[in-house]
C-alpha atoms as a PDB file:
ATOM      1  CA  MET A   1     -23.253 -14.762  35.654  1.00  0.00           C
ATOM      2  CA  THR A   2     -26.996 -14.333  34.759  1.00  0.00           C
ATOM      3  CA  PRO A   3     -29.349 -15.380  37.556  1.00  0.00           C
ATOM      4  CA  SER A   4     -31.035 -18.042  34.863  1.00  0.00           C
ATOM      5  CA  LEU A   5     -27.430 -19.532  34.701  1.00  0.00           C
ATOM      6  CA  LEU A   6     -27.561 -19.514  38.202  1.00  0.00           C
ATOM      7  CA  VAL A   7     -30.505 -21.310  38.337  1.00  0.00           C
ATOM      8  CA  VAL A   8     -29.822 -23.870  36.280  1.00  0.00           C
ATOM      9  CA  LEU A   9     -26.249 -24.699  37.862  1.00  0.00           C
ATOM     10  CA  GLY A  10     -28.087 -24.639  41.082  1.00  0.00           C
ATOM     11  CA  ALA A  11     -30.813 -27.231  40.399  1.00  0.00           C
ATOM     12  CA  LEU A  12     -27.722 -29.377  38.626  1.00  0.00           C
ATOM     13  CA  ALA A  13     -26.112 -29.405  41.889  1.00  0.00           C
ATOM     14  CA  VAL A  14     -29.358 -30.263  43.647  1.00  0.00           C
ATOM     15  CA  THR A  15     -30.192 -32.861  41.035  1.00  0.00           C
ATOM     16  CA  THR A  16     -26.452 -34.290  40.959  1.00  0.00           C
ATOM     17  CA  ALA A  17     -26.739 -35.107  45.125  1.00  0.00           C
ATOM     18  CA  ALA A  18     -29.962 -36.957  44.346  1.00  0.00           C
ATOM     19  CA  GLN A  19     -28.741 -39.126  42.154  1.00  0.00           C
ATOM     20  CA  ALA A  20     -25.872 -40.350  44.196  1.00  0.00           C
ATOM     21  CA  PRO A  21     -27.411 -43.626  44.466  1.00  0.00           C
ATOM     22  CA  MET A  22     -27.266 -45.716  47.506  1.00  0.00           C
ATOM     23  CA  PRO A  23     -25.687 -48.775  46.685  1.00  0.00           C
ATOM     24  CA  ALA A  24     -27.768 -51.960  45.960  1.00  0.00           C
ATOM     25  CA  PRO A  25     -29.614 -54.025  48.706  1.00  0.00           C
ATOM     26  CA  GLU A  26     -26.950 -56.945  48.604  1.00  0.00           C
ATOM     27  CA  VAL A  27     -24.163 -54.786  48.446  1.00  0.00           C
ATOM     28  CA  GLN A  28     -25.400 -52.807  51.740  1.00  0.00           C
ATOM     29  CA  ILE A  29     -26.054 -56.499  53.334  1.00  0.00           C
ATOM     30  CA  ALA A  30     -22.757 -57.977  52.458  1.00  0.00           C
ATOM     31  CA  GLY A  31     -21.100 -55.100  54.023  1.00  0.00           C
ATOM     32  CA  ALA A  32     -23.739 -55.112  57.366  1.00  0.00           C
ATOM     33  CA  VAL A  33     -22.573 -58.724  57.994  1.00  0.00           C
ATOM     34  CA  GLN A  34     -19.240 -58.008  58.357  1.00  0.00           C
ATOM     35  CA  ALA A  35     -19.840 -57.277  61.652  1.00  0.00           C
ATOM     36  CA  ALA A  36     -21.637 -60.978  62.666  1.00  0.00           C
ATOM     37  CA  PRO A  37     -19.803 -64.053  63.231  1.00  0.00           C
ATOM     38  CA  ALA A  38     -19.263 -65.747  59.745  1.00  0.00           C
ATOM     39  CA  ASP A  39     -21.972 -68.660  60.843  1.00  0.00           C
ATOM     40  CA  GLN A  40     -24.807 -65.959  62.001  1.00  0.00           C
ATOM     41  CA  ARG A  41     -24.304 -64.213  58.636  1.00  0.00           C
ATOM     42  CA  GLU A  42     -26.866 -65.233  56.526  1.00  0.00           C
ATOM     43  CA  SER A  43     -29.784 -65.582  59.711  1.00  0.00           C
ATOM     44  CA  ALA A  44     -29.241 -61.513  60.559  1.00  0.00           C
ATOM     45  CA  THR A  45     -31.808 -59.051  59.734  1.00  0.00           C
ATOM     46  CA  VAL A  46     -30.039 -56.219  57.560  1.00  0.00           C
ATOM     47  CA  ILE A  47     -31.330 -52.480  58.262  1.00  0.00           C
ATOM     48  CA  GLY A  48     -30.048 -50.596  55.415  1.00  0.00           C
ATOM     49  CA  PHE A  49     -31.136 -47.481  53.273  1.00  0.00           C
ATOM     50  CA  ASP A  50     -33.258 -47.171  50.347  1.00  0.00           C
ATOM     51  CA  ALA A  51     -33.159 -45.183  47.858  1.00  0.00           C
ATOM     52  CA  GLN A  52     -34.102 -41.935  49.742  1.00  0.00           C
ATOM     53  CA  GLY A  53     -31.314 -42.416  52.068  1.00  0.00           C
ATOM     54  CA  LYS A  54     -34.031 -43.506  54.554  1.00  0.00           C
ATOM     55  CA  HIS A  55     -33.306 -46.711  56.945  1.00  0.00           C
ATOM     56  CA  THR A  56     -35.333 -49.713  55.739  1.00  0.00           C
ATOM     57  CA  THR A  57     -34.795 -53.589  56.043  1.00  0.00           C
ATOM     58  CA  LEU A  58     -33.192 -54.703  53.337  1.00  0.00           C
ATOM     59  CA  ARG A  59     -33.679 -58.461  54.806  1.00  0.00           C
ATOM     60  CA  LYS A  60     -36.004 -60.365  57.702  1.00  0.00           C
ATOM     61  CA  GLY A  61     -33.761 -62.698  59.289  1.00  0.00           C
ATOM     62  CA  THR A  62     -34.695 -65.554  61.401  1.00  0.00           C
ATOM     63  CA  GLY A  63     -31.550 -65.300  64.224  1.00  0.00           C
ATOM     64  CA  HIS A  64     -30.448 -63.182  66.660  1.00  0.00           C
ATOM     65  CA  LEU A  65     -28.603 -60.681  64.988  1.00  0.00           C
ATOM     66  CA  VAL A  66     -29.456 -57.149  63.475  1.00  0.00           C
ATOM     67  CA  CYS A  67     -27.058 -55.468  61.152  1.00  0.00           C
ATOM     68  CA  LEU A  68     -26.681 -52.043  60.419  1.00  0.00           C
ATOM     69  CA  ALA A  69     -25.408 -51.327  57.115  1.00  0.00           C
ATOM     70  CA  ASP A  70     -22.931 -48.611  56.244  1.00  0.00           C
ATOM     71  CA  ASP A  71     -24.067 -45.100  55.609  1.00  0.00           C
ATOM     72  CA  PRO A  72     -22.181 -44.287  52.237  1.00  0.00           C
ATOM     73  CA  ARG A  73     -22.586 -40.621  53.094  1.00  0.00           C
ATOM     74  CA  GLU A  74     -20.274 -40.852  55.335  1.00  0.00           C
ATOM     75  CA  ASP A  75     -15.941 -40.846  55.022  1.00  0.00           C
ATOM     76  CA  LYS A  76     -15.191 -44.131  56.610  1.00  0.00           C
ATOM     77  CA  PHE A  77     -17.258 -47.737  56.641  1.00  0.00           C
ATOM     78  CA  ASN A  78     -18.642 -48.072  59.324  1.00  0.00           C
ATOM     79  CA  VAL A  79     -20.822 -51.032  60.379  1.00  0.00           C
ATOM     80  CA  ALA A  80     -22.859 -52.777  63.751  1.00  0.00           C
ATOM     81  CA  CYS A  81     -24.421 -56.130  64.378  1.00  0.00           C
ATOM     82  CA  TYR A  82     -26.451 -56.015  68.132  1.00  0.00           C
ATOM     83  CA  HIS A  83     -28.525 -58.860  69.741  1.00  0.00           C
ATOM     84  CA  LYS A  84     -32.433 -58.349  68.353  1.00  0.00           C
ATOM     85  CA  ASP A  85     -33.121 -57.925  71.909  1.00  0.00           C
ATOM     86  CA  LEU A  86     -31.568 -54.457  71.568  1.00  0.00           C
ATOM     87  CA  GLU A  87     -33.484 -53.253  68.545  1.00  0.00           C
ATOM     88  CA  PRO A  88     -36.317 -51.114  70.279  1.00  0.00           C
ATOM     89  CA  TYR A  89     -33.187 -49.206  72.230  1.00  0.00           C
ATOM     90  CA  MET A  90     -31.267 -49.341  68.693  1.00  0.00           C
ATOM     91  CA  ALA A  91     -34.424 -48.051  66.631  1.00  0.00           C
ATOM     92  CA  ARG A  92     -35.457 -44.932  69.103  1.00  0.00           C
ATOM     93  CA  GLY A  93     -31.759 -43.973  68.471  1.00  0.00           C
ATOM     94  CA  ARG A  94     -32.319 -43.687  64.616  1.00  0.00           C
ATOM     95  CA  GLU A  95     -35.368 -42.005  65.193  1.00  0.00           C
ATOM     96  CA  LEU A  96     -34.297 -39.378  67.412  1.00  0.00           C
ATOM     97  CA  ALA A  97     -31.240 -38.906  64.782  1.00  0.00           C
ATOM     98  CA  ALA A  98     -33.497 -38.170  61.922  1.00  0.00           C
ATOM     99  CA  LEU A  99     -35.556 -35.903  64.170  1.00  0.00           C
ATOM    100  CA  GLY A 100     -32.223 -33.979  64.611  1.00  0.00           C
ATOM    101  CA  THR A 101     -32.012 -34.920  68.121  1.00  0.00           C
ATOM    102  CA  LYS A 102     -28.612 -35.817  69.502  1.00  0.00           C
ATOM    103  CA  GLY A 103     -27.281 -36.909  73.087  1.00  0.00           C
ATOM    104  CA  ARG A 104     -24.789 -39.321  74.427  1.00  0.00           C
ATOM    105  CA  GLY A 105     -24.851 -39.293  78.151  1.00  0.00           C
ATOM    106  CA  PRO A 106     -26.980 -38.132  80.658  1.00  0.00           C
ATOM    107  CA  GLU A 107     -28.623 -35.748  77.851  1.00  0.00           C
ATOM    108  CA  ASP A 108     -29.972 -39.613  76.151  1.00  0.00           C
ATOM    109  CA  LEU A 109     -33.569 -38.884  75.798  1.00  0.00           C
ATOM    110  CA  ARG A 110     -33.709 -43.111  75.634  1.00  0.00           C
ATOM    111  CA  TRP A 111     -32.677 -43.309  79.135  1.00  0.00           C
ATOM    112  CA  LYS A 112     -35.579 -41.036  80.513  1.00  0.00           C
ATOM    113  CA  GLU A 113     -38.100 -43.195  78.340  1.00  0.00           C
ATOM    114  CA  ILE A 114     -36.438 -46.589  79.688  1.00  0.00           C
ATOM    115  CA  GLN A 115     -36.690 -45.220  83.261  1.00  0.00           C
ATOM    116  CA  ALA A 116     -40.298 -44.274  82.417  1.00  0.00           C
ATOM    117  CA  GLY A 117     -41.148 -47.906  81.186  1.00  0.00           C
ATOM    118  CA  THR A 118     -41.939 -46.265  77.504  1.00  0.00           C
ATOM    119  CA  LEU A 119     -39.032 -48.043  76.289  1.00  0.00           C
ATOM    120  CA  VAL A 120     -37.774 -51.360  76.511  1.00  0.00           C
ATOM    121  CA  MET A 121     -34.346 -52.460  77.487  1.00  0.00           C
ATOM    122  CA  PRO A 122     -32.944 -56.096  78.318  1.00  0.00           C
ATOM    123  CA  LYS A 123     -32.031 -56.462  81.973  1.00  0.00           C
ATOM    124  CA  GLU A 124     -29.371 -58.951  80.906  1.00  0.00           C
ATOM    125  CA  PRO A 125     -26.462 -58.161  78.879  1.00  0.00           C
ATOM    126  CA  ARG A 126     -26.605 -57.633  75.341  1.00  0.00           C
ATOM    127  CA  LEU A 127     -22.992 -57.296  72.981  1.00  0.00           C
ATOM    128  CA  THR A 128     -22.875 -55.379  69.990  1.00  0.00           C
ATOM    129  CA  THR A 129     -19.977 -55.445  67.459  1.00  0.00           C
ATOM    130  CA  ILE A 130     -18.493 -52.488  65.413  1.00  0.00           C
ATOM    131  CA  VAL A 131     -16.257 -53.065  62.648  1.00  0.00           C
ATOM    132  CA  GLN A 132     -14.747 -49.944  61.032  1.00  0.00           C
ATOM    133  CA  GLY A 133     -12.503 -49.017  58.593  1.00  0.00           C
ATOM    134  CA  SER A 134     -11.160 -47.125  55.393  1.00  0.00           C
ATOM    135  CA  ALA A 135     -13.260 -48.826  52.946  1.00  0.00           C
ATOM    136  CA  PHE A 136     -15.729 -52.410  51.718  1.00  0.00           C
ATOM    137  CA  ASP A 137     -14.522 -54.348  49.030  1.00  0.00           C
ATOM    138  CA  ALA A 138     -17.942 -56.181  48.280  1.00  0.00           C
ATOM    139  CA  THR A 139     -16.778 -58.359  45.277  1.00  0.00           C
ATOM    140  CA  ALA A 140     -14.140 -59.518  47.659  1.00  0.00           C
ATOM    141  CA  GLY A 141     -16.045 -59.010  51.018  1.00  0.00           C
ATOM    142  CA  THR A 142     -13.360 -57.584  52.964  1.00  0.00           C
ATOM    143  CA  VAL A 143     -12.978 -54.066  54.678  1.00  0.00           C
ATOM    144  CA  ALA A 144     -10.037 -52.572  54.199  1.00  0.00           C
ATOM    145  CA  ASP A 145      -7.950 -51.158  57.420  1.00  0.00           C
ATOM    146  CA  SER A 146     -10.747 -53.611  59.801  1.00  0.00           C
ATOM    147  CA  TYR A 147     -11.246 -52.819  63.606  1.00  0.00           C
ATOM    148  CA  THR A 148     -13.357 -54.308  65.747  1.00  0.00           C
ATOM    149  CA  ARG A 149     -14.696 -52.880  68.679  1.00  0.00           C
ATOM    150  CA  TRP A 150     -17.366 -54.409  70.921  1.00  0.00           C
ATOM    151  CA  VAL A 151     -19.816 -52.911  73.627  1.00  0.00           C
ATOM    152  CA  ILE A 152     -21.819 -55.304  75.951  1.00  0.00           C
ATOM    153  CA  TYR A 153     -24.864 -53.629  77.264  1.00  0.00           C
ATOM    154  CA  THR A 154     -25.317 -53.695  80.631  1.00  0.00           C
ATOM    155  CA  PRO A 155     -27.870 -51.591  82.368  1.00  0.00           C
ATOM    156  CA  GLY A 156     -27.444 -50.338  85.567  1.00  0.00           C
ATOM    157  CA  ALA A 157     -23.774 -51.715  86.040  1.00  0.00           C
ATOM    158  CA  THR A 158     -21.962 -50.513  88.525  1.00  0.00           C
ATOM    159  CA  PRO A 159     -17.630 -50.918  89.187  1.00  0.00           C
ATOM    160  CA  GLU A 160     -18.790 -52.884  92.212  1.00  0.00           C
ATOM    161  CA  SER A 161     -21.352 -54.848  90.683  1.00  0.00           C
ATOM    162  CA  THR A 162     -18.697 -55.713  87.761  1.00  0.00           C
ATOM    163  CA  GLY A 163     -15.398 -55.514  89.082  1.00  0.00           C
ATOM    164  CA  LEU A 164     -14.332 -53.322  85.898  1.00  0.00           C
ATOM    165  CA  PRO A 165     -12.434 -49.788  85.987  1.00  0.00           C
ATOM    166  CA  LEU A 166     -14.437 -46.873  84.856  1.00  0.00           C
ATOM    167  CA  THR A 167     -11.334 -45.673  82.210  1.00  0.00           C
ATOM    168  CA  PRO A 168      -9.812 -47.301  79.646  1.00  0.00           C
ATOM    169  CA  GLY A 169      -6.712 -49.061  79.553  1.00  0.00           C
ATOM    170  CA  PRO A 170      -4.558 -50.590  76.439  1.00  0.00           C
ATOM    171  CA  GLY A 171      -7.065 -52.874  75.215  1.00  0.00           C
ATOM    172  CA  ALA A 172      -8.727 -53.697  78.420  1.00  0.00           C
ATOM    173  CA  PRO A 173     -12.814 -53.673  79.095  1.00  0.00           C
ATOM    174  CA  TRP A 174     -14.403 -50.686  80.943  1.00  0.00           C
ATOM    175  CA  LEU A 175     -17.303 -49.315  82.149  1.00  0.00           C
ATOM    176  CA  MET A 176     -18.924 -46.603  80.500  1.00  0.00           C
ATOM    177  CA  PHE A 177     -21.846 -44.695  81.744  1.00  0.00           C
ATOM    178  CA  PRO A 178     -21.675 -46.977  85.165  1.00  0.00           C
ATOM    179  CA  GLY A 179     -25.424 -47.294  87.184  1.00  0.00           C
ATOM    180  CA  THR A 180     -27.386 -46.088  84.163  1.00  0.00           C
ATOM    181  CA  PRO A 181     -29.748 -47.466  81.821  1.00  0.00           C
ATOM    182  CA  GLY A 182     -27.253 -46.994  79.233  1.00  0.00           C
ATOM    183  CA  ALA A 183     -24.393 -48.123  81.361  1.00  0.00           C
ATOM    184  CA  HIS A 184     -22.059 -50.946  78.834  1.00  0.00           C
ATOM    185  CA  ILE A 185     -18.717 -52.491  78.936  1.00  0.00           C
ATOM    186  CA  MET A 186     -16.539 -50.778  76.288  1.00  0.00           C
ATOM    187  CA  ILE A 187     -13.836 -53.319  74.473  1.00  0.00           C
ATOM    188  CA  SER A 188     -12.088 -51.315  72.308  1.00  0.00           C
ATOM    189  CA  PRO A 189      -8.600 -53.659  71.404  1.00  0.00           C
ATOM    190  CA  ALA A 190      -5.495 -51.414  70.338  1.00  0.00           C
ATOM    191  CA  ARG A 191      -5.513 -50.305  66.627  1.00  0.00           C
ATOM    192  CA  PRO A 192      -3.191 -51.544  64.435  1.00  0.00           C
ATOM    193  CA  LYS A 193      -0.102 -49.525  63.373  1.00  0.00           C
END
């Protein structure tokens, strides 16, 4: 291959990748609110993606939920809705991820920021609902192979304060990261076979 042909093919590959469009805002919104109770979908704030793939607010809601749209660059459908009081924590997580900072558990920089008082985290429990699937049909408003799980953030919670175990049982709630700013109750029902 000639060098000029390689340059043209390289430019074509970059152009094709750049042209892969994000779903329309209304499609992103319809998908995102699948993780919200039906009676709260219309009032939820929805954060999705702009044409460049950056997070953006697609709809400012009047309710108490914030919903995150599916990232179409990922293989599986994955959306979440959470109480608006968790938005500073979640927004900081998106910001750190965009910077390439990864962290889960003790290495999560947000925990240090909460302890330092520079990041606000609600002291009372707050719910996050996550819906995953193999695909989303925006016309029908359905998630193929839908699976729902719940996370209840309870900063500082311990087995002693909640009565919850530290290991998952079949479909039973359990406590993850006990005693930390990121402590949360996991509820993961058995997946359909």
